[in-house]
Amino acid sequence: MAIDNLDAIDFVSTVRATGEVVLFITDHLSWRQDDHLDILQAKINLYLQSIEGGQLLAAYPNAKPGVPVRIEVRCKYRPSAEGLRFLRLAREIITAAGWGFSWESPQRRRKKA
């Protein structure tokens, strides 16, 4: 799967040590692409709808109620300044809602919330 497939979650995994469920977005798009942020926002919204609507729990039994859930964006390219602003704002909003959010890019490894 990939970021531009807006009908599916790219990948789901569980962190063994904590039980945290991580939903990955695999972002292969260039940050110079005009619609990149729109596509990323739509993909994040799909993930949030899946978490909040119960579809994640139905499809992935490890996502039991009370288990922490995090969305992680895996970027192929280093985010632009505008991309970083977007990712930081997304993290702020998503963590305020009770979920985790992080991203990873070639110049940056592991930013969890």
C-alpha atoms as a PDB file:
ATOM      1  CA  MET A   1       0.000   0.000   0.000  1.00  0.00           C
ATOM      2  CA  ALA A   2       0.987   3.637  -0.253  1.00  0.00           C
ATOM      3  CA  ILE A   3      -0.095   7.101   0.800  1.00  0.00           C
ATOM      4  CA  ASP A   4      -2.033   7.677  -2.409  1.00  0.00           C
ATOM      5  CA  ASN A   5      -4.226   4.615  -1.849  1.00  0.00           C
ATOM      6  CA  LEU A   6      -6.974   6.302   0.128  1.00  0.00           C
ATOM      7  CA  ASP A   7      -9.024   3.135   0.521  1.00  0.00           C
ATOM      8  CA  ALA A   8      -6.747   1.194   2.866  1.00  0.00           C
ATOM      9  CA  ILE A   9      -4.412   1.346   5.832  1.00  0.00           C
ATOM     10  CA  ASP A  10      -0.888   0.729   4.557  1.00  0.00           C
ATOM     11  CA  PHE A  11       0.440  -1.409   7.404  1.00  0.00           C
ATOM     12  CA  VAL A  12      -0.419  -2.200  11.034  1.00  0.00           C
ATOM     13  CA  SER A  13       1.941  -3.558  13.668  1.00  0.00           C
ATOM     14  CA  THR A  14       2.143  -4.049  17.425  1.00  0.00           C
ATOM     15  CA  VAL A  15       5.067  -2.998  19.605  1.00  0.00           C
ATOM     16  CA  ARG A  16       5.729  -6.145  21.643  1.00  0.00           C
ATOM     17  CA  ALA A  17       7.170  -4.386  24.674  1.00  0.00           C
ATOM     18  CA  THR A  18       4.211  -2.030  25.165  1.00  0.00           C
ATOM     19  CA  GLY A  19       1.328  -3.500  23.182  1.00  0.00           C
ATOM     20  CA  GLU A  20       1.009  -0.200  21.312  1.00  0.00           C
ATOM     21  CA  VAL A  21      -0.668  -0.574  17.923  1.00  0.00           C
ATOM     22  CA  VAL A  22       1.054   1.412  15.161  1.00  0.00           C
ATOM     23  CA  LEU A  23      -0.640   2.290  11.880  1.00  0.00           C
ATOM     24  CA  PHE A  24       1.929   3.175   9.239  1.00  0.00           C
ATOM     25  CA  ILE A  25       1.518   5.544   6.323  1.00  0.00           C
ATOM     26  CA  THR A  26       4.154   4.885   3.667  1.00  0.00           C
ATOM     27  CA  ASP A  27       4.799   8.249   2.043  1.00  0.00           C
ATOM     28  CA  HIS A  28       6.800   8.011  -1.179  1.00  0.00           C
ATOM     29  CA  LEU A  29       5.714  11.376  -2.577  1.00  0.00           C
ATOM     30  CA  SER A  30       7.983  14.347  -3.167  1.00  0.00           C
ATOM     31  CA  TRP A  31       7.244  17.308  -0.927  1.00  0.00           C
ATOM     32  CA  ARG A  32       7.359  19.440  -4.079  1.00  0.00           C
ATOM     33  CA  GLN A  33       4.217  17.737  -5.352  1.00  0.00           C
ATOM     34  CA  ASP A  34       1.386  20.285  -5.154  1.00  0.00           C
ATOM     35  CA  ASP A  35      -1.230  17.958  -3.689  1.00  0.00           C
ATOM     36  CA  HIS A  36       1.067  16.130  -1.234  1.00  0.00           C
ATOM     37  CA  LEU A  37      -0.372  17.742   1.905  1.00  0.00           C
ATOM     38  CA  ASP A  38      -3.943  17.191   0.698  1.00  0.00           C
ATOM     39  CA  ILE A  39      -3.237  13.500   0.101  1.00  0.00           C
ATOM     40  CA  LEU A  40      -1.480  13.143   3.467  1.00  0.00           C
ATOM     41  CA  GLN A  41      -4.338  14.846   5.278  1.00  0.00           C
ATOM     42  CA  ALA A  42      -6.880  12.568   3.567  1.00  0.00           C
ATOM     43  CA  LYS A  43      -4.835   9.486   4.523  1.00  0.00           C
ATOM     44  CA  ILE A  44      -4.527  10.613   8.162  1.00  0.00           C
ATOM     45  CA  ASN A  45      -8.276  11.268   8.249  1.00  0.00           C
ATOM     46  CA  LEU A  46      -8.899   7.743   6.909  1.00  0.00           C
ATOM     47  CA  TYR A  47      -6.767   6.325   9.734  1.00  0.00           C
ATOM     48  CA  LEU A  48      -8.528   8.411  12.386  1.00  0.00           C
ATOM     49  CA  GLN A  49     -11.928   7.344  11.061  1.00  0.00           C
ATOM     50  CA  SER A  50     -10.805   3.713  11.254  1.00  0.00           C
ATOM     51  CA  ILE A  51      -9.611   4.132  14.845  1.00  0.00           C
ATOM     52  CA  GLU A  52     -12.594   6.111  16.077  1.00  0.00           C
ATOM     53  CA  GLY A  53     -15.200   4.202  14.075  1.00  0.00           C
ATOM     54  CA  GLY A  54     -14.157   0.790  15.379  1.00  0.00           C
ATOM     55  CA  GLN A  55     -13.006  -0.633  12.039  1.00  0.00           C
ATOM     56  CA  LEU A  56      -9.436  -0.975  13.324  1.00  0.00           C
ATOM     57  CA  LEU A  57     -10.602  -3.087  16.266  1.00  0.00           C
ATOM     58  CA  ALA A  58     -12.745  -5.261  13.999  1.00  0.00           C
ATOM     59  CA  ALA A  59      -9.896  -5.857  11.538  1.00  0.00           C
ATOM     60  CA  TYR A  60      -6.978  -5.962  13.985  1.00  0.00           C
ATOM     61  CA  PRO A  61      -7.779  -7.723  17.284  1.00  0.00           C
ATOM     62  CA  ASN A  62      -4.602  -6.418  19.006  1.00  0.00           C
ATOM     63  CA  ALA A  63      -6.186  -2.950  18.944  1.00  0.00           C
ATOM     64  CA  LYS A  64      -8.232  -3.710  22.057  1.00  0.00           C
ATOM     65  CA  PRO A  65      -9.944  -0.876  23.900  1.00  0.00           C
ATOM     66  CA  GLY A  66      -7.436   0.869  26.155  1.00  0.00           C
ATOM     67  CA  VAL A  67      -4.404  -0.150  24.080  1.00  0.00           C
ATOM     68  CA  PRO A  68      -2.429   2.880  22.865  1.00  0.00           C
ATOM     69  CA  VAL A  69      -2.664   3.565  19.135  1.00  0.00           C
ATOM     70  CA  ARG A  70      -0.233   5.659  17.106  1.00  0.00           C
ATOM     71  CA  ILE A  71      -0.130   6.774  13.484  1.00  0.00           C
ATOM     72  CA  GLU A  72       3.382   6.875  12.041  1.00  0.00           C
ATOM     73  CA  VAL A  73       4.207   8.484   8.707  1.00  0.00           C
ATOM     74  CA  ARG A  74       7.281   6.981   7.032  1.00  0.00           C
ATOM     75  CA  CYS A  75       8.549   9.610   4.587  1.00  0.00           C
ATOM     76  CA  LYS A  76      10.835   8.646   1.719  1.00  0.00           C
ATOM     77  CA  TYR A  77      11.991  12.261   1.450  1.00  0.00           C
ATOM     78  CA  ARG A  78      12.812  14.863   4.056  1.00  0.00           C
ATOM     79  CA  PRO A  79       9.732  17.062   4.653  1.00  0.00           C
ATOM     80  CA  SER A  80       9.740  20.640   3.401  1.00  0.00           C
ATOM     81  CA  ALA A  81       9.280  23.493   5.878  1.00  0.00           C
ATOM     82  CA  GLU A  82       5.564  23.510   5.064  1.00  0.00           C
ATOM     83  CA  GLY A  83       5.466  19.726   5.465  1.00  0.00           C
ATOM     84  CA  LEU A  84       7.095  19.966   8.901  1.00  0.00           C
ATOM     85  CA  ARG A  85       4.554  22.589   9.990  1.00  0.00           C
ATOM     86  CA  PHE A  86       1.773  20.270   8.843  1.00  0.00           C
ATOM     87  CA  LEU A  87       3.243  17.225  10.633  1.00  0.00           C
ATOM     88  CA  ARG A  88       3.730  19.172  13.871  1.00  0.00           C
ATOM     89  CA  LEU A  89       0.185  20.517  13.749  1.00  0.00           C
ATOM     90  CA  ALA A  90      -1.173  17.033  12.992  1.00  0.00           C
ATOM     91  CA  ARG A  91       0.761  15.668  15.979  1.00  0.00           C
ATOM     92  CA  GLU A  92      -0.653  18.392  18.227  1.00  0.00           C
ATOM     93  CA  ILE A  93      -4.249  17.742  17.150  1.00  0.00           C
ATOM     94  CA  ILE A  94      -4.015  13.946  17.163  1.00  0.00           C
ATOM     95  CA  THR A  95      -2.306  13.719  20.555  1.00  0.00           C
ATOM     96  CA  ALA A  96      -4.905  16.104  22.008  1.00  0.00           C
ATOM     97  CA  ALA A  97      -7.520  13.600  20.816  1.00  0.00           C
ATOM     98  CA  GLY A  98      -5.758  10.813  22.742  1.00  0.00           C
ATOM     99  CA  TRP A  99      -3.835   9.071  19.968  1.00  0.00           C
ATOM    100  CA  GLY A 100      -0.133   9.043  19.171  1.00  0.00           C
ATOM    101  CA  PHE A 101       1.450  10.512  16.076  1.00  0.00           C
ATOM    102  CA  SER A 102       5.006  10.394  14.768  1.00  0.00           C
ATOM    103  CA  TRP A 103       6.937  10.581  11.542  1.00  0.00           C
ATOM    104  CA  GLU A 104      10.226   9.372  10.211  1.00  0.00           C
ATOM    105  CA  SER A 105      12.271  10.648   7.288  1.00  0.00           C
ATOM    106  CA  PRO A 106      15.804  10.084   5.967  1.00  0.00           C
ATOM    107  CA  GLN A 107      17.259  12.951   8.067  1.00  0.00           C
ATOM    108  CA  ARG A 108      15.163  12.271  11.123  1.00  0.00           C
ATOM    109  CA  ARG A 109      14.545   9.104  13.084  1.00  0.00           C
ATOM    110  CA  ARG A 110      11.807   8.613  15.652  1.00  0.00           C
ATOM    111  CA  LYS A 111       9.739  11.514  16.852  1.00  0.00           C
ATOM    112  CA  LYS A 112       7.043  10.040  19.069  1.00  0.00           C
ATOM    113  CA  ALA A 113       4.241  11.662  20.937  1.00  0.00           C
END
